PDB file of N, CA and C in Angstrom:
ATOM      1  N   LEU A   1      38.077  27.983 -30.359  1.00  0.00           N
ATOM      2  CA  LEU A   1      39.146  28.287 -28.535  1.00  0.00           C
ATOM      3  C   LEU A   1      38.803  29.887 -28.587  1.00  0.00           C
ATOM      4  N   ASP A   2      38.607  29.997 -27.199  1.00  0.00           N
ATOM      5  CA  ASP A   2      39.387  31.342 -26.520  1.00  0.00           C
ATOM      6  C   ASP A   2      40.471  31.202 -25.943  1.00  0.00           C
ATOM      7  N   LEU A   3      41.731  31.766 -26.971  1.00  0.00           N
ATOM      8  CA  LEU A   3      42.672  31.633 -26.045  1.00  0.00           C
ATOM      9  C   LEU A   3      42.960  33.235 -25.842  1.00  0.00           C
ATOM     10  N   ASN A   4      41.912  34.278 -25.163  1.00  0.00           N
ATOM     11  CA  ASN A   4      42.127  34.966 -24.576  1.00  0.00           C
ATOM     12  C   ASN A   4      43.137  34.924 -22.820  1.00  0.00           C
ATOM     13  N   ILE A   5      44.378  35.690 -22.924  1.00  0.00           N
ATOM     14  CA  ILE A   5      45.169  35.814 -21.811  1.00  0.00           C
ATOM     15  C   ILE A   5      44.022  35.864 -20.281  1.00  0.00           C
ATOM     16  N   LEU A   6      43.193  37.070 -20.536  1.00  0.00           N
ATOM     17  CA  LEU A   6      42.511  37.072 -19.394  1.00  0.00           C
ATOM     18  C   LEU A   6      41.734  36.639 -19.366  1.00  0.00           C
ATOM     19  N   ASP A   7      41.347  35.463 -18.591  1.00  0.00           N
ATOM     20  CA  ASP A   7      40.049  34.483 -18.831  1.00  0.00           C
ATOM     21  C   ASP A   7      39.407  35.112 -18.725  1.00  0.00           C
ATOM     22  N   PHE A   8      37.515  34.807 -18.979  1.00  0.00           N
ATOM     23  CA  PHE A   8      36.508  35.676 -18.092  1.00  0.00           C
ATOM     24  C   PHE A   8      36.198  36.007 -16.684  1.00  0.00           C
ATOM     25  N   ALA A   9      36.856  34.493 -16.304  1.00  0.00           N
ATOM     26  CA  ALA A   9      36.722  34.837 -14.618  1.00  0.00           C
ATOM     27  C   ALA A   9      36.963  35.697 -14.536  1.00  0.00           C
ATOM     28  N   VAL A  10      38.683  36.175 -15.114  1.00  0.00           N
ATOM     29  CA  VAL A  10      39.301  37.661 -14.439  1.00  0.00           C
ATOM     30  C   VAL A  10      38.490  38.801 -14.831  1.00  0.00           C
ATOM     31  N   TRP A  11      37.927  38.877 -16.025  1.00  0.00           N
ATOM     32  CA  TRP A  11      36.958  40.176 -16.101  1.00  0.00           C
ATOM     33  C   TRP A  11      35.803  40.033 -15.538  1.00  0.00           C
ATOM     34  N   GLY A  12      35.155  38.992 -15.309  1.00  0.00           N
ATOM     35  CA  GLY A  12      33.874  39.043 -14.453  1.00  0.00           C
ATOM     36  C   GLY A  12      34.319  39.376 -13.151  1.00  0.00           C
ATOM     37  N   PHE A  13      35.432  39.236 -12.466  1.00  0.00           N
ATOM     38  CA  PHE A  13      35.780  39.258 -10.966  1.00  0.00           C
ATOM     39  C   PHE A  13      35.964  40.790 -11.220  1.00  0.00           C
ATOM     40  N   LEU A  14      36.547  41.795 -12.341  1.00  0.00           N
ATOM     41  CA  LEU A  14      37.063  42.726 -12.315  1.00  0.00           C
ATOM     42  C   LEU A  14      35.819  43.675 -12.556  1.00  0.00           C
ATOM     43  N   GLU A  15      34.709  42.750 -13.444  1.00  0.00           N
ATOM     44  CA  GLU A  15      33.666  43.241 -13.717  1.00  0.00           C
ATOM     45  C   GLU A  15      32.591  43.553 -12.336  1.00  0.00           C
ATOM     46  N   ARG A  16      32.337  43.054 -11.792  1.00  0.00           N
ATOM     47  CA  ARG A  16      31.563  42.706 -10.117  1.00  0.00           C
ATOM     48  C   ARG A  16      32.248  44.021  -9.503  1.00  0.00           C
ATOM     49  N   GLU A  17      33.446  43.681  -9.134  1.00  0.00           N
ATOM     50  CA  GLU A  17      34.131  43.943  -8.288  1.00  0.00           C
ATOM     51  C   GLU A  17      34.109  45.799  -8.441  1.00  0.00           C
ATOM     52  N   THR A  18      34.360  45.939  -9.888  1.00  0.00           N
ATOM     53  CA  THR A  18      34.160  47.829 -10.044  1.00  0.00           C
ATOM     54  C   THR A  18      32.897  48.628 -10.902  1.00  0.00           C
ATOM     55  N   ASN A  19      32.119  47.505 -10.958  1.00  0.00           N
ATOM     56  CA  ASN A  19      30.345  48.104 -11.187  1.00  0.00           C
ATOM     57  C   ASN A  19      29.576  48.033 -10.135  1.00  0.00           C
ATOM     58  N   SER A  20      30.070  48.068  -8.958  1.00  0.00           N
ATOM     59  CA  SER A  20      28.727  47.870  -8.041  1.00  0.00           C
ATOM     60  C   SER A  20      28.840  48.764  -7.367  1.00  0.00           C
ATOM     61  N   THR A  21      29.021  50.185  -7.919  1.00  0.00           N
ATOM     62  CA  THR A  21      28.719  51.823  -7.260  1.00  0.00           C
ATOM     63  C   THR A  21      29.007  52.255  -8.830  1.00  0.00           C
ATOM     64  N   PRO A  22      28.182  52.955  -8.672  1.00  0.00           N
ATOM     65  CA  PRO A  22      28.550  54.118  -9.756  1.00  0.00           C
ATOM     66  C   PRO A  22      30.042  54.750  -9.944  1.00  0.00           C
ATOM     67  N   HIS A  23      30.530  55.371 -11.258  1.00  0.00           N
ATOM     68  CA  HIS A  23      31.562  55.871 -10.723  1.00  0.00           C
ATOM     69  C   HIS A  23      31.100  57.147 -11.437  1.00  0.00           C
ATOM     70  N   PRO A  24      31.920  58.554 -11.218  1.00  0.00           N
ATOM     71  CA  PRO A  24      31.793  60.083 -11.630  1.00  0.00           C
ATOM     72  C   PRO A  24      32.135  60.438 -12.701  1.00  0.00           C
ATOM     73  N   ASN A  25      33.769  60.044 -13.147  1.00  0.00           N
ATOM     74  CA  ASN A  25      34.742  60.045 -13.997  1.00  0.00           C
ATOM     75  C   ASN A  25      35.744  58.373 -14.310  1.00  0.00           C
ATOM     76  N   VAL A  26      35.912  58.548 -15.491  1.00  0.00           N
ATOM     77  CA  VAL A  26      36.925  57.859 -15.204  1.00  0.00           C
ATOM     78  C   VAL A  26      38.387  57.539 -15.244  1.00  0.00           C
ATOM     79  N   ASP A  27      39.147  58.409 -14.008  1.00  0.00           N
ATOM     80  CA  ASP A  27      39.543  58.560 -12.943  1.00  0.00           C
ATOM     81  C   ASP A  27      39.281  57.063 -11.790  1.00  0.00           C
ATOM     82  N   SER A  28      38.033  57.719 -11.605  1.00  0.00           N
ATOM     83  CA  SER A  28      37.574  56.402 -10.505  1.00  0.00           C
ATOM     84  C   SER A  28      37.309  55.045 -10.622  1.00  0.00           C
ATOM     85  N   LEU A  29      36.750  55.546 -12.110  1.00  0.00           N
ATOM     86  CA  LEU A  29      36.537  53.802 -12.084  1.00  0.00           C
ATOM     87  C   LEU A  29      37.843  53.375 -12.555  1.00  0.00           C
ATOM     88  N   LYS A  30      39.211  53.643 -13.105  1.00  0.00           N
ATOM     89  CA  LYS A  30      41.215  53.076 -13.462  1.00  0.00           C
ATOM     90  C   LYS A  30      41.181  53.038 -12.086  1.00  0.00           C
ATOM     91  N   ALA A  31      40.648  53.642 -11.060  1.00  0.00           N
ATOM     92  CA  ALA A  31      41.187  53.499  -9.399  1.00  0.00           C
ATOM     93  C   ALA A  31      40.195  52.753  -8.540  1.00  0.00           C
ATOM     94  N   SER A  32      39.495  52.033  -9.703  1.00  0.00           N
ATOM     95  CA  SER A  32      38.717  50.646  -8.692  1.00  0.00           C
ATOM     96  C   SER A  32      38.960  49.848  -9.218  1.00  0.00           C
ATOM     97  N   ILE A  33      39.470  49.560 -10.689  1.00  0.00           N
ATOM     98  CA  ILE A  33      39.749  48.457 -11.244  1.00  0.00           C
ATOM     99  C   ILE A  33      41.771  48.452 -10.577  1.00  0.00           C
ATOM    100  N   THR A  34      42.207  49.434 -10.624  1.00  0.00           N
ATOM    101  CA  THR A  34      43.402  49.042 -10.004  1.00  0.00           C
ATOM    102  C   THR A  34      43.404  48.641  -8.835  1.00  0.00           C
ATOM    103  N   ALA A  35      42.518  48.973  -8.211  1.00  0.00           N
ATOM    104  CA  ALA A  35      42.598  48.325  -6.485  1.00  0.00           C
ATOM    105  C   ALA A  35      41.865  47.219  -6.333  1.00  0.00           C
ATOM    106  N   ALA A  36      40.929  46.528  -7.274  1.00  0.00           N
ATOM    107  CA  ALA A  36      40.681  45.510  -7.544  1.00  0.00           C
ATOM    108  C   ALA A  36      41.145  44.642  -8.066  1.00  0.00           C
ATOM    109  N   TRP A  37      42.175  44.791  -9.361  1.00  0.00           N
ATOM    110  CA  TRP A  37      43.410  44.033  -9.631  1.00  0.00           C
ATOM    111  C   TRP A  37      43.907  43.392  -8.417  1.00  0.00           C
ATOM    112  N   ALA A  38      44.303  44.992  -7.896  1.00  0.00           N
ATOM    113  CA  ALA A  38      45.487  43.866  -6.568  1.00  0.00           C
ATOM    114  C   ALA A  38      45.100  43.301  -5.132  1.00  0.00           C
ATOM    115  N   ASN A  39      43.945  43.603  -5.194  1.00  0.00           N
ATOM    116  CA  ASN A  39      42.999  42.528  -4.479  1.00  0.00           C
ATOM    117  C   ASN A  39      42.379  40.878  -5.043  1.00  0.00           C
ATOM    118  N   MET A  40      42.844  40.547  -5.953  1.00  0.00           N
ATOM    119  CA  MET A  40      42.735  39.335  -6.585  1.00  0.00           C
ATOM    120  C   MET A  40      43.178  38.788  -6.017  1.00  0.00           C
ATOM    121  N   SER A  41      43.438  37.905  -5.261  1.00  0.00           N
ATOM    122  CA  SER A  41      43.906  36.397  -4.657  1.00  0.00           C
ATOM    123  C   SER A  41      44.821  36.267  -5.722  1.00  0.00           C
ATOM    124  N   THR A  42      45.642  34.914  -4.915  1.00  0.00           N
ATOM    125  CA  THR A  42      47.165  34.724  -6.005  1.00  0.00           C
ATOM    126  C   THR A  42      45.952  32.954  -6.473  1.00  0.00           C
ATOM    127  N   ASP A  43      45.557  32.422  -5.570  1.00  0.00           N
ATOM    128  CA  ASP A  43      44.795  31.458  -6.154  1.00  0.00           C
ATOM    129  C   ASP A  43      43.975  31.509  -7.110  1.00  0.00           C
ATOM    130  N   PHE A  44      43.006  32.811  -7.336  1.00  0.00           N
ATOM    131  CA  PHE A  44      42.573  32.791  -7.754  1.00  0.00           C
ATOM    132  C   PHE A  44      43.024  32.383  -9.535  1.00  0.00           C
ATOM    133  N   ILE A  45      44.100  33.433  -9.188  1.00  0.00           N
ATOM    134  CA  ILE A  45      45.347  33.944 -10.549  1.00  0.00           C
ATOM    135  C   ILE A  45      45.233  32.739 -11.211  1.00  0.00           C
ATOM    136  N   ARG A  46      45.615  32.048 -10.038  1.00  0.00           N
ATOM    137  CA  ARG A  46      46.491  30.554 -10.878  1.00  0.00           C
ATOM    138  C   ARG A  46      45.593  29.741 -11.474  1.00  0.00           C
ATOM    139  N   LYS A  47      44.412  29.298 -10.643  1.00  0.00           N
ATOM    140  CA  LYS A  47      43.112  28.688 -11.579  1.00  0.00           C
ATOM    141  C   LYS A  47      42.880  29.540 -12.505  1.00  0.00           C
ATOM    142  N   SER A  48      43.246  30.461 -12.702  1.00  0.00           N
ATOM    143  CA  SER A  48      42.670  31.624 -13.789  1.00  0.00           C
ATOM    144  C   SER A  48      43.834  30.574 -15.241  1.00  0.00           C
ATOM    145  N   CYS A  49      44.803  30.813 -14.789  1.00  0.00           N
ATOM    146  CA  CYS A  49      46.350  30.825 -15.801  1.00  0.00           C
ATOM    147  C   CYS A  49      46.301  29.015 -15.962  1.00  0.00           C
ATOM    148  N   ALA A  50      45.171  28.082 -14.795  1.00  0.00           N
ATOM    149  CA  ALA A  50      45.674  26.659 -15.375  1.00  0.00           C
ATOM    150  C   ALA A  50      44.422  26.470 -15.985  1.00  0.00           C
ATOM    151  N   ALA A  51      42.785  27.482 -16.071  1.00  0.00           N
ATOM    152  CA  ALA A  51      42.197  27.098 -16.623  1.00  0.00           C
ATOM    153  C   ALA A  51      42.555  27.918 -18.775  1.00  0.00           C
ATOM    154  N   PHE A  52      43.384  28.873 -18.342  1.00  0.00           N
ATOM    155  CA  PHE A  52      44.053  29.068 -20.207  1.00  0.00           C
ATOM    156  C   PHE A  52      45.036  28.502 -20.232  1.00  0.00           C
ATOM    157  N   ARG A  53      45.969  27.108 -19.524  1.00  0.00           N
ATOM    158  CA  ARG A  53      46.458  26.164 -20.189  1.00  0.00           C
ATOM    159  C   ARG A  53      46.214  25.373 -20.734  1.00  0.00           C
ATOM    160  N   HIS A  54      45.104  24.768 -20.425  1.00  0.00           N
ATOM    161  CA  HIS A  54      44.346  23.701 -20.706  1.00  0.00           C
ATOM    162  C   HIS A  54      43.553  24.215 -22.437  1.00  0.00           C
ATOM    163  N   ARG A  55      43.161  25.170 -22.090  1.00  0.00           N
ATOM    164  CA  ARG A  55      42.601  26.107 -23.566  1.00  0.00           C
ATOM    165  C   ARG A  55      43.338  25.914 -24.608  1.00  0.00           C
ATOM    166  N   VAL A  56      45.027  26.391 -23.802  1.00  0.00           N
ATOM    167  CA  VAL A  56      45.984  26.244 -25.114  1.00  0.00           C
ATOM    168  C   VAL A  56      46.132  25.009 -25.855  1.00  0.00           C
ATOM    169  N   ASP A  57      46.332  23.859 -24.255  1.00  0.00           N
ATOM    170  CA  ASP A  57      46.588  22.532 -24.639  1.00  0.00           C
ATOM    171  C   ASP A  57      45.683  21.679 -25.850  1.00  0.00           C
ATOM    172  N   ALA A  58      44.713  22.557 -25.781  1.00  0.00           N
ATOM    173  CA  ALA A  58      43.257  21.882 -26.318  1.00  0.00           C
ATOM    174  C   ALA A  58      42.990  22.612 -27.957  1.00  0.00           C
ATOM    175  N   ALA A  59      43.435  23.861 -28.005  1.00  0.00           N
ATOM    176  CA  ALA A  59      43.884  24.591 -29.408  1.00  0.00           C
ATOM    177  C   ALA A  59      45.107  23.656 -29.983  1.00  0.00           C
ATOM    178  N   ILE A  60      46.349  23.214 -29.828  1.00  0.00           N
ATOM    179  CA  ILE A  60      46.949  23.073 -30.016  1.00  0.00           C
ATOM    180  C   ILE A  60      47.077  21.586 -30.529  1.00  0.00           C
ATOM    181  N   GLU A  61      45.523  20.283 -29.336  1.00  0.00           N
ATOM    182  CA  GLU A  61      45.605  19.655 -30.239  1.00  0.00           C
ATOM    183  C   GLU A  61      44.603  19.404 -30.993  1.00  0.00           C
ATOM    184  N   ALA A  62      44.190  20.557 -31.377  1.00  0.00           N
ATOM    185  CA  ALA A  62      42.929  20.101 -32.881  1.00  0.00           C
ATOM    186  C   ALA A  62      43.210  21.196 -33.595  1.00  0.00           C
ATOM    187  N   LYS A  63      45.154  21.820 -33.767  1.00  0.00           N
ATOM    188  CA  LYS A  63      45.714  22.206 -34.828  1.00  0.00           C
ATOM    189  C   LYS A  63      44.944  23.857 -35.426  1.00  0.00           C
ATOM    190  N   GLY A  64      44.592  23.987 -33.811  1.00  0.00           N
ATOM    191  CA  GLY A  64      43.892  25.625 -34.169  1.00  0.00           C
ATOM    192  C   GLY A  64      42.648  25.696 -34.734  1.00  0.00           C
ATOM    193  N   GLY A  65      41.559  24.687 -34.790  1.00  0.00           N
ATOM    194  CA  GLY A  65      40.783  24.364 -35.703  1.00  0.00           C
ATOM    195  C   GLY A  65      39.724  24.405 -34.152  1.00  0.00           C
ATOM    196  N   TYR A  66      38.439  24.093 -34.703  1.00  0.00           N
ATOM    197  CA  TYR A  66      37.247  24.477 -33.782  1.00  0.00           C
ATOM    198  C   TYR A  66      37.043  23.335 -32.935  1.00  0.00           C
ATOM    199  N   LYS A  67      36.835  23.483 -31.479  1.00  0.00           N
ATOM    200  CA  LYS A  67      36.606  22.002 -30.815  1.00  0.00           C
ATOM    201  C   LYS A  67      35.817  22.680 -29.793  1.00  0.00           C
ATOM    202  N   LYS A  68      35.065  21.216 -29.934  1.00  0.00           N
ATOM    203  CA  LYS A  68      33.798  21.401 -28.557  1.00  0.00           C
ATOM    204  C   LYS A  68      34.178  21.420 -27.521  1.00  0.00           C
TER     205      LYS A  68
END
């Protein structure tokens, strides 16, 4: 089980938002990531946290082992 706090949905959102145009430098990319993070909806974050909680419960149930 993947217990990465930043759910793949969050990473995917940030990637889609920040990679839609090329960035000429690292500062531009950082600014784009910061803006995308600030524009992420509360509902989206809440749903991502709920999905994480579900994975934590599954990991506890599996005693840290593998679970399909």
